[in-house]
Amino acid sequence: MPSTSIRKTEYDPTRRILSVWFVASGKCYEFEGVPPETFAAFRAAFAKGRFFNDHIRNHFRYRRVSGEDDI
């Protein structure tokens, strides 16, 4: 299901890093230490924004890696 708040996600299972691009800001953040099970549940979630807010945001260390204003 497409999300109105999350444009794209990528996951590196070896490094356990989840990259999330947001629609409104165009910014990308990397979340560290995300278990494969959490990413699988995120991908399967009907409401991606809600899942992100409930299970990823404020649960994992993160850093901003890019944004539209960085181009």
C-alpha atoms as a PDB file:
ATOM      1  CA  MET A   1       0.000   0.000   0.000  1.00  0.00           C
ATOM      2  CA  PRO A   2       1.417   3.399  -0.908  1.00  0.00           C
ATOM      3  CA  SER A   3       1.920   5.887   1.893  1.00  0.00           C
ATOM      4  CA  THR A   4       1.080   9.567   1.910  1.00  0.00           C
ATOM      5  CA  SER A   5       3.977  10.333   4.271  1.00  0.00           C
ATOM      6  CA  ILE A   6       6.692   7.851   3.281  1.00  0.00           C
ATOM      7  CA  ARG A   7       7.939   7.979  -0.289  1.00  0.00           C
ATOM      8  CA  LYS A   8      10.441   5.117  -0.255  1.00  0.00           C
ATOM      9  CA  THR A   9      12.234   2.660   2.011  1.00  0.00           C
ATOM     10  CA  GLU A  10      15.332   0.512   1.653  1.00  0.00           C
ATOM     11  CA  TYR A  11      16.715  -2.028   4.083  1.00  0.00           C
ATOM     12  CA  ASP A  12      20.209  -3.451   4.469  1.00  0.00           C
ATOM     13  CA  PRO A  13      19.791  -6.690   6.447  1.00  0.00           C
ATOM     14  CA  THR A  14      23.545  -7.160   6.928  1.00  0.00           C
ATOM     15  CA  ARG A  15      23.988  -3.752   8.559  1.00  0.00           C
ATOM     16  CA  ARG A  16      20.401  -3.644   9.906  1.00  0.00           C
ATOM     17  CA  ILE A  17      19.925  -0.145   8.549  1.00  0.00           C
ATOM     18  CA  LEU A  18      16.531   1.066   7.414  1.00  0.00           C
ATOM     19  CA  SER A  19      16.541   4.085   5.091  1.00  0.00           C
ATOM     20  CA  VAL A  20      13.311   6.087   4.911  1.00  0.00           C
ATOM     21  CA  TRP A  21      12.530   8.926   2.485  1.00  0.00           C
ATOM     22  CA  PHE A  22       9.686  11.236   3.479  1.00  0.00           C
ATOM     23  CA  VAL A  23       7.198  12.786   1.071  1.00  0.00           C
ATOM     24  CA  ALA A  24       6.713  16.217   2.664  1.00  0.00           C
ATOM     25  CA  SER A  25      10.351  17.085   3.355  1.00  0.00           C
ATOM     26  CA  GLY A  26      12.092  14.951   0.738  1.00  0.00           C
ATOM     27  CA  LYS A  27      14.592  14.041   3.450  1.00  0.00           C
ATOM     28  CA  CYS A  28      16.114  10.612   4.007  1.00  0.00           C
ATOM     29  CA  TYR A  29      16.982   9.205   7.404  1.00  0.00           C
ATOM     30  CA  GLU A  30      18.846   6.019   8.301  1.00  0.00           C
ATOM     31  CA  PHE A  31      17.659   4.068  11.336  1.00  0.00           C
ATOM     32  CA  GLU A  32      20.262   1.794  12.944  1.00  0.00           C
ATOM     33  CA  GLY A  33      19.787  -1.635  14.481  1.00  0.00           C
ATOM     34  CA  VAL A  34      16.392  -2.363  12.923  1.00  0.00           C
ATOM     35  CA  PRO A  35      15.697  -6.114  13.098  1.00  0.00           C
ATOM     36  CA  PRO A  36      14.617  -7.872   9.880  1.00  0.00           C
ATOM     37  CA  GLU A  37      11.302  -8.772  11.547  1.00  0.00           C
ATOM     38  CA  THR A  38      10.545  -5.093  12.177  1.00  0.00           C
ATOM     39  CA  PHE A  39      11.285  -4.211   8.568  1.00  0.00           C
ATOM     40  CA  ALA A  40       9.111  -7.093   7.326  1.00  0.00           C
ATOM     41  CA  ALA A  41       6.230  -5.906   9.524  1.00  0.00           C
ATOM     42  CA  PHE A  42       6.760  -2.325   8.312  1.00  0.00           C
ATOM     43  CA  ARG A  43       6.626  -3.428   4.682  1.00  0.00           C
ATOM     44  CA  ALA A  44       3.470  -5.445   5.326  1.00  0.00           C
ATOM     45  CA  ALA A  45       1.719  -2.727   7.349  1.00  0.00           C
ATOM     46  CA  PHE A  46      -1.426  -1.257   5.847  1.00  0.00           C
ATOM     47  CA  ALA A  47      -0.710   2.184   7.341  1.00  0.00           C
ATOM     48  CA  LYS A  48       3.026   2.717   6.873  1.00  0.00           C
ATOM     49  CA  GLY A  49       3.102   6.137   8.553  1.00  0.00           C
ATOM     50  CA  ARG A  50       1.317   4.830  11.623  1.00  0.00           C
ATOM     51  CA  PHE A  51       3.588   1.779  11.848  1.00  0.00           C
ATOM     52  CA  PHE A  52       6.628   4.042  11.495  1.00  0.00           C
ATOM     53  CA  ASN A  53       5.429   6.338  14.296  1.00  0.00           C
ATOM     54  CA  ASP A  54       4.484   3.459  16.598  1.00  0.00           C
ATOM     55  CA  HIS A  55       7.406   1.069  16.046  1.00  0.00           C
ATOM     56  CA  ILE A  56      10.394   2.853  14.480  1.00  0.00           C
ATOM     57  CA  ARG A  57      10.386   6.569  15.302  1.00  0.00           C
ATOM     58  CA  ASN A  58      11.923   7.142  18.757  1.00  0.00           C
ATOM     59  CA  HIS A  59      12.820   3.441  18.994  1.00  0.00           C
ATOM     60  CA  PHE A  60      16.036   3.379  16.961  1.00  0.00           C
ATOM     61  CA  ARG A  61      19.034   5.650  16.641  1.00  0.00           C
ATOM     62  CA  TYR A  62      18.926   7.616  13.412  1.00  0.00           C
ATOM     63  CA  ARG A  63      20.718  10.195  11.313  1.00  0.00           C
ATOM     64  CA  ARG A  64      19.709  12.383   8.406  1.00  0.00           C
ATOM     65  CA  VAL A  65      21.582  11.409   5.270  1.00  0.00           C
ATOM     66  CA  SER A  66      20.054  13.578   2.549  1.00  0.00           C
ATOM     67  CA  GLY A  67      17.241  15.831   1.495  1.00  0.00           C
ATOM     68  CA  GLU A  68      15.967  17.819  -1.441  1.00  0.00           C
ATOM     69  CA  ASP A  69      17.784  20.915  -0.188  1.00  0.00           C
ATOM     70  CA  ASP A  70      21.069  18.949  -0.317  1.00  0.00           C
ATOM     71  CA  ILE A  71      20.945  18.625  -4.109  1.00  0.00           C
END
